[in-house]
Amino acid sequence: MRKLLFESLILPPLTEPAPTQSDAAMEELAIAIDKAARQRLGRSLSIRAVDAGSCNGCELEMHALSNAFYDIERFGIRFVASPRHADVLLVTGPVTNNMREALERTYNATPGPKWVVALGGCARDGGLFAGSYAVVGGVSKVVPVDLHIPGCPPSPIDILKGLLALIDRVNRGAGTW
């Protein structure tokens, strides 16, 4: 243990390099989402995250949107604690039997207009957990889904691009509202 402590004082920290996207591209993408949301909703976009039984890989990428690098709150996009204040339900993981009712209640508590986004491969069709006795399946087996964002896990940029595509589709009149 002592050796490990001394090595940690000498060796540099093990971290991964920062994402390569430029600040200008990130800002442009977030501004486009904010503009589209304000056009459709008259205000900024509020997201309620729902973990329906995932491994938490998608949550790590989703919550990275709030870190210092992405900082989506500067563009008016925010995560909210209550479904009653949300425009988007961002659902991760396969829906487990134990989370089915909770997901339905969360969906019913979200005021319209609302979108449901299935984030990651597991939310799409159950992914790696499909066929398990404990899993209902993808999110669309429980609530209607407006958009699937693929990946295991999808990157924060892919999540932002998916949200922009969803808002643009609804603004063009092809959405579910």
C-alpha atoms as a PDB file:
ATOM      1  CA  MET A   1       0.000   0.000   0.000  1.00  0.00           C
ATOM      2  CA  ARG A   2       2.843   2.346   0.861  1.00  0.00           C
ATOM      3  CA  LYS A   3       4.460   1.721  -2.523  1.00  0.00           C
ATOM      4  CA  LEU A   4       1.197   2.549  -4.291  1.00  0.00           C
ATOM      5  CA  LEU A   5       0.871   5.792  -2.335  1.00  0.00           C
ATOM      6  CA  PHE A   6       4.384   6.930  -3.224  1.00  0.00           C
ATOM      7  CA  GLU A   7       3.905   5.992  -6.874  1.00  0.00           C
ATOM      8  CA  SER A   8       0.726   8.059  -7.010  1.00  0.00           C
ATOM      9  CA  LEU A   9       2.694  11.082  -5.808  1.00  0.00           C
ATOM     10  CA  ILE A  10       5.315  10.685  -8.550  1.00  0.00           C
ATOM     11  CA  LEU A  11       3.378   9.423 -11.566  1.00  0.00           C
ATOM     12  CA  PRO A  12       1.010  11.699 -13.513  1.00  0.00           C
ATOM     13  CA  PRO A  13      -2.732  10.996 -13.252  1.00  0.00           C
ATOM     14  CA  LEU A  14      -4.262   8.532 -15.691  1.00  0.00           C
ATOM     15  CA  THR A  15      -6.857  10.388 -17.693  1.00  0.00           C
ATOM     16  CA  GLU A  16      -8.146  10.186 -21.201  1.00  0.00           C
ATOM     17  CA  PRO A  17      -7.597  13.051 -23.616  1.00  0.00           C
ATOM     18  CA  ALA A  18     -10.309  15.668 -24.002  1.00  0.00           C
ATOM     19  CA  PRO A  19     -12.743  15.211 -26.909  1.00  0.00           C
ATOM     20  CA  THR A  20     -11.458  16.531 -30.230  1.00  0.00           C
ATOM     21  CA  GLN A  21     -14.558  18.490 -31.233  1.00  0.00           C
ATOM     22  CA  SER A  22     -13.925  22.190 -31.575  1.00  0.00           C
ATOM     23  CA  ASP A  23     -15.567  24.626 -29.215  1.00  0.00           C
ATOM     24  CA  ALA A  24     -17.139  26.429 -32.159  1.00  0.00           C
ATOM     25  CA  ALA A  25     -18.812  23.265 -33.478  1.00  0.00           C
ATOM     26  CA  MET A  26     -20.119  22.378 -30.016  1.00  0.00           C
ATOM     27  CA  GLU A  27     -21.467  25.871 -29.472  1.00  0.00           C
ATOM     28  CA  GLU A  28     -23.082  25.928 -32.910  1.00  0.00           C
ATOM     29  CA  LEU A  29     -24.839  22.608 -32.247  1.00  0.00           C
ATOM     30  CA  ALA A  30     -26.144  23.675 -28.838  1.00  0.00           C
ATOM     31  CA  ILE A  31     -27.339  27.040 -30.170  1.00  0.00           C
ATOM     32  CA  ALA A  32     -29.226  25.240 -32.953  1.00  0.00           C
ATOM     33  CA  ILE A  33     -30.956  23.018 -30.367  1.00  0.00           C
ATOM     34  CA  ASP A  34     -31.862  26.004 -28.193  1.00  0.00           C
ATOM     35  CA  LYS A  35     -33.220  27.950 -31.181  1.00  0.00           C
ATOM     36  CA  ALA A  36     -35.300  24.999 -32.369  1.00  0.00           C
ATOM     37  CA  ALA A  37     -36.647  24.355 -28.857  1.00  0.00           C
ATOM     38  CA  ARG A  38     -37.589  27.990 -28.347  1.00  0.00           C
ATOM     39  CA  GLN A  39     -39.297  28.023 -31.740  1.00  0.00           C
ATOM     40  CA  ARG A  40     -41.364  24.951 -30.882  1.00  0.00           C
ATOM     41  CA  LEU A  41     -41.894  25.383 -27.145  1.00  0.00           C
ATOM     42  CA  GLY A  42     -41.371  29.100 -26.621  1.00  0.00           C
ATOM     43  CA  ARG A  43     -38.710  28.318 -24.010  1.00  0.00           C
ATOM     44  CA  SER A  44     -35.624  26.217 -23.425  1.00  0.00           C
ATOM     45  CA  LEU A  45     -35.606  22.418 -23.481  1.00  0.00           C
ATOM     46  CA  SER A  46     -36.031  20.494 -20.204  1.00  0.00           C
ATOM     47  CA  ILE A  47     -34.909  16.871 -20.001  1.00  0.00           C
ATOM     48  CA  ARG A  48     -35.869  14.232 -17.435  1.00  0.00           C
ATOM     49  CA  ALA A  49     -33.486  11.276 -17.384  1.00  0.00           C
ATOM     50  CA  VAL A  50     -35.024   7.873 -16.643  1.00  0.00           C
ATOM     51  CA  ASP A  51     -32.868   4.816 -15.977  1.00  0.00           C
ATOM     52  CA  ALA A  52     -35.082   1.843 -16.781  1.00  0.00           C
ATOM     53  CA  GLY A  53     -32.489  -0.777 -15.826  1.00  0.00           C
ATOM     54  CA  SER A  54     -29.259   0.047 -17.642  1.00  0.00           C
ATOM     55  CA  CYS A  55     -25.607  -0.698 -16.942  1.00  0.00           C
ATOM     56  CA  ASN A  56     -25.059   3.090 -16.519  1.00  0.00           C
ATOM     57  CA  GLY A  57     -22.812   3.490 -19.567  1.00  0.00           C
ATOM     58  CA  CYS A  58     -25.390   5.676 -21.296  1.00  0.00           C
ATOM     59  CA  GLU A  59     -25.919   7.709 -18.118  1.00  0.00           C
ATOM     60  CA  LEU A  60     -22.218   8.526 -17.965  1.00  0.00           C
ATOM     61  CA  GLU A  61     -22.329   9.943 -21.493  1.00  0.00           C
ATOM     62  CA  MET A  62     -25.644  11.699 -20.883  1.00  0.00           C
ATOM     63  CA  HIS A  63     -24.397  13.347 -17.688  1.00  0.00           C
ATOM     64  CA  ALA A  64     -21.206  14.376 -19.479  1.00  0.00           C
ATOM     65  CA  LEU A  65     -23.418  16.951 -21.194  1.00  0.00           C
ATOM     66  CA  SER A  66     -23.444  18.828 -17.881  1.00  0.00           C
ATOM     67  CA  ASN A  67     -19.674  18.799 -17.335  1.00  0.00           C
ATOM     68  CA  ALA A  68     -17.359  21.775 -17.914  1.00  0.00           C
ATOM     69  CA  PHE A  69     -16.495  20.747 -21.487  1.00  0.00           C
ATOM     70  CA  TYR A  70     -20.026  20.453 -22.896  1.00  0.00           C
ATOM     71  CA  ASP A  71     -21.928  22.601 -20.348  1.00  0.00           C
ATOM     72  CA  ILE A  72     -25.268  22.497 -22.146  1.00  0.00           C
ATOM     73  CA  GLU A  73     -26.952  24.664 -19.510  1.00  0.00           C
ATOM     74  CA  ARG A  74     -25.229  27.702 -20.997  1.00  0.00           C
ATOM     75  CA  PHE A  75     -27.460  27.159 -24.031  1.00  0.00           C
ATOM     76  CA  GLY A  76     -30.677  26.787 -22.055  1.00  0.00           C
ATOM     77  CA  ILE A  77     -30.882  22.980 -22.139  1.00  0.00           C
ATOM     78  CA  ARG A  78     -31.276  21.586 -18.659  1.00  0.00           C
ATOM     79  CA  PHE A  79     -31.948  18.398 -16.762  1.00  0.00           C
ATOM     80  CA  VAL A  80     -34.900  18.549 -14.379  1.00  0.00           C
ATOM     81  CA  ALA A  81     -35.722  16.411 -11.368  1.00  0.00           C
ATOM     82  CA  SER A  82     -39.445  16.083 -11.961  1.00  0.00           C
ATOM     83  CA  PRO A  83     -41.238  14.716 -15.012  1.00  0.00           C
ATOM     84  CA  ARG A  84     -43.852  17.431 -14.447  1.00  0.00           C
ATOM     85  CA  HIS A  85     -41.292  20.001 -15.622  1.00  0.00           C
ATOM     86  CA  ALA A  86     -39.900  17.992 -18.556  1.00  0.00           C
ATOM     87  CA  ASP A  87     -40.324  18.230 -22.308  1.00  0.00           C
ATOM     88  CA  VAL A  88     -38.168  15.177 -23.068  1.00  0.00           C
ATOM     89  CA  LEU A  89     -37.930  11.825 -21.290  1.00  0.00           C
ATOM     90  CA  LEU A  90     -34.460  10.475 -22.017  1.00  0.00           C
ATOM     91  CA  VAL A  91     -34.757   6.765 -21.211  1.00  0.00           C
ATOM     92  CA  THR A  92     -31.739   4.486 -20.910  1.00  0.00           C
ATOM     93  CA  GLY A  93     -31.422   0.734 -20.587  1.00  0.00           C
ATOM     94  CA  PRO A  94     -33.779  -2.112 -21.273  1.00  0.00           C
ATOM     95  CA  VAL A  95     -37.017  -1.777 -19.369  1.00  0.00           C
ATOM     96  CA  THR A  96     -36.926  -4.273 -16.515  1.00  0.00           C
ATOM     97  CA  ASN A  97     -40.047  -5.810 -15.035  1.00  0.00           C
ATOM     98  CA  ASN A  98     -39.476  -3.783 -11.875  1.00  0.00           C
ATOM     99  CA  MET A  99     -39.192  -0.478 -13.805  1.00  0.00           C
ATOM    100  CA  ARG A 100     -42.111  -0.935 -16.186  1.00  0.00           C
ATOM    101  CA  GLU A 101     -44.731   0.671 -13.950  1.00  0.00           C
ATOM    102  CA  ALA A 102     -42.360   3.465 -12.886  1.00  0.00           C
ATOM    103  CA  LEU A 103     -41.664   4.323 -16.535  1.00  0.00           C
ATOM    104  CA  GLU A 104     -45.390   4.346 -17.336  1.00  0.00           C
ATOM    105  CA  ARG A 105     -46.096   6.619 -14.368  1.00  0.00           C
ATOM    106  CA  THR A 106     -43.270   8.957 -15.333  1.00  0.00           C
ATOM    107  CA  TYR A 107     -44.598   9.137 -18.900  1.00  0.00           C
ATOM    108  CA  ASN A 108     -48.132   9.869 -17.644  1.00  0.00           C
ATOM    109  CA  ALA A 109     -46.830  12.567 -15.264  1.00  0.00           C
ATOM    110  CA  THR A 110     -45.015  14.412 -18.062  1.00  0.00           C
ATOM    111  CA  PRO A 111     -47.197  17.179 -19.506  1.00  0.00           C
ATOM    112  CA  GLY A 112     -47.713  17.469 -23.239  1.00  0.00           C
ATOM    113  CA  PRO A 113     -46.193  18.260 -25.565  1.00  0.00           C
ATOM    114  CA  LYS A 114     -43.601  15.617 -24.726  1.00  0.00           C
ATOM    115  CA  TRP A 115     -41.016  13.511 -26.474  1.00  0.00           C
ATOM    116  CA  VAL A 116     -39.565  10.157 -25.482  1.00  0.00           C
ATOM    117  CA  VAL A 117     -36.011   9.392 -26.544  1.00  0.00           C
ATOM    118  CA  ALA A 118     -34.602   5.871 -26.175  1.00  0.00           C
ATOM    119  CA  LEU A 119     -30.888   6.298 -25.560  1.00  0.00           C
ATOM    120  CA  GLY A 120     -28.560   3.441 -26.503  1.00  0.00           C
ATOM    121  CA  GLY A 121     -28.894  -0.036 -27.921  1.00  0.00           C
ATOM    122  CA  CYS A 122     -30.508  -1.522 -24.821  1.00  0.00           C
ATOM    123  CA  ALA A 123     -33.292   1.073 -24.815  1.00  0.00           C
ATOM    124  CA  ARG A 124     -33.989   0.280 -28.455  1.00  0.00           C
ATOM    125  CA  ASP A 125     -34.587  -3.462 -28.237  1.00  0.00           C
ATOM    126  CA  GLY A 126     -33.228  -4.773 -24.937  1.00  0.00           C
ATOM    127  CA  GLY A 127     -29.691  -5.051 -26.303  1.00  0.00           C
ATOM    128  CA  LEU A 128     -27.449  -7.430 -24.447  1.00  0.00           C
ATOM    129  CA  PHE A 129     -30.209  -8.114 -21.924  1.00  0.00           C
ATOM    130  CA  ALA A 130     -32.917  -9.062 -24.461  1.00  0.00           C
ATOM    131  CA  GLY A 131     -34.578 -12.352 -23.666  1.00  0.00           C
ATOM    132  CA  SER A 132     -33.825 -12.197 -19.951  1.00  0.00           C
ATOM    133  CA  TYR A 133     -36.621 -13.190 -17.595  1.00  0.00           C
ATOM    134  CA  ALA A 134     -36.181  -9.832 -15.830  1.00  0.00           C
ATOM    135  CA  VAL A 135     -36.460  -7.641 -18.949  1.00  0.00           C
ATOM    136  CA  VAL A 136     -39.620  -6.470 -20.717  1.00  0.00           C
ATOM    137  CA  GLY A 137     -37.627  -5.278 -23.744  1.00  0.00           C
ATOM    138  CA  GLY A 138     -36.998  -1.900 -25.344  1.00  0.00           C
ATOM    139  CA  VAL A 139     -38.648   1.326 -24.243  1.00  0.00           C
ATOM    140  CA  SER A 140     -41.145   1.194 -27.129  1.00  0.00           C
ATOM    141  CA  LYS A 141     -42.767  -1.878 -25.570  1.00  0.00           C
ATOM    142  CA  VAL A 142     -43.892   0.297 -22.648  1.00  0.00           C
ATOM    143  CA  VAL A 143     -44.300   3.868 -23.921  1.00  0.00           C
ATOM    144  CA  PRO A 144     -44.320   5.426 -27.420  1.00  0.00           C
ATOM    145  CA  VAL A 145     -40.828   6.428 -28.548  1.00  0.00           C
ATOM    146  CA  ASP A 146     -40.195   9.446 -30.774  1.00  0.00           C
ATOM    147  CA  LEU A 147     -36.478   8.895 -31.357  1.00  0.00           C
ATOM    148  CA  HIS A 148     -33.868   6.177 -30.870  1.00  0.00           C
ATOM    149  CA  ILE A 149     -30.257   7.298 -30.459  1.00  0.00           C
ATOM    150  CA  PRO A 150     -28.030   4.280 -31.231  1.00  0.00           C
ATOM    151  CA  GLY A 151     -24.759   3.407 -29.588  1.00  0.00           C
ATOM    152  CA  CYS A 152     -23.333   1.491 -26.683  1.00  0.00           C
ATOM    153  CA  PRO A 153     -23.050   4.100 -25.293  1.00  0.00           C
ATOM    154  CA  PRO A 154     -23.722   7.013 -27.645  1.00  0.00           C
ATOM    155  CA  SER A 155     -21.346   9.966 -27.314  1.00  0.00           C
ATOM    156  CA  PRO A 156     -22.554  13.295 -25.897  1.00  0.00           C
ATOM    157  CA  ILE A 157     -22.292  14.835 -29.377  1.00  0.00           C
ATOM    158  CA  ASP A 158     -24.516  12.056 -30.775  1.00  0.00           C
ATOM    159  CA  ILE A 159     -27.045  12.754 -28.023  1.00  0.00           C
ATOM    160  CA  LEU A 160     -27.102  16.458 -28.904  1.00  0.00           C
ATOM    161  CA  LYS A 161     -27.417  15.694 -32.614  1.00  0.00           C
ATOM    162  CA  GLY A 162     -30.307  13.337 -31.843  1.00  0.00           C
ATOM    163  CA  LEU A 163     -32.126  15.982 -29.814  1.00  0.00           C
ATOM    164  CA  LEU A 164     -31.656  18.509 -32.611  1.00  0.00           C
ATOM    165  CA  ALA A 165     -32.948  16.030 -35.205  1.00  0.00           C
ATOM    166  CA  LEU A 166     -35.996  15.332 -33.043  1.00  0.00           C
ATOM    167  CA  ILE A 167     -36.848  19.003 -32.583  1.00  0.00           C
ATOM    168  CA  ASP A 168     -36.287  19.733 -36.274  1.00  0.00           C
ATOM    169  CA  ARG A 169     -38.564  16.839 -37.269  1.00  0.00           C
ATOM    170  CA  VAL A 170     -41.318  18.073 -34.985  1.00  0.00           C
ATOM    171  CA  ASN A 171     -40.883  21.663 -36.203  1.00  0.00           C
ATOM    172  CA  ARG A 172     -41.369  20.441 -39.777  1.00  0.00           C
ATOM    173  CA  GLY A 173     -44.649  18.819 -38.728  1.00  0.00           C
ATOM    174  CA  ALA A 174     -43.508  15.179 -38.987  1.00  0.00           C
ATOM    175  CA  GLY A 175     -43.575  14.637 -35.222  1.00  0.00           C
ATOM    176  CA  THR A 176     -46.101  13.011 -32.967  1.00  0.00           C
ATOM    177  CA  TRP A 177     -47.701  16.197 -31.632  1.00  0.00           C
END
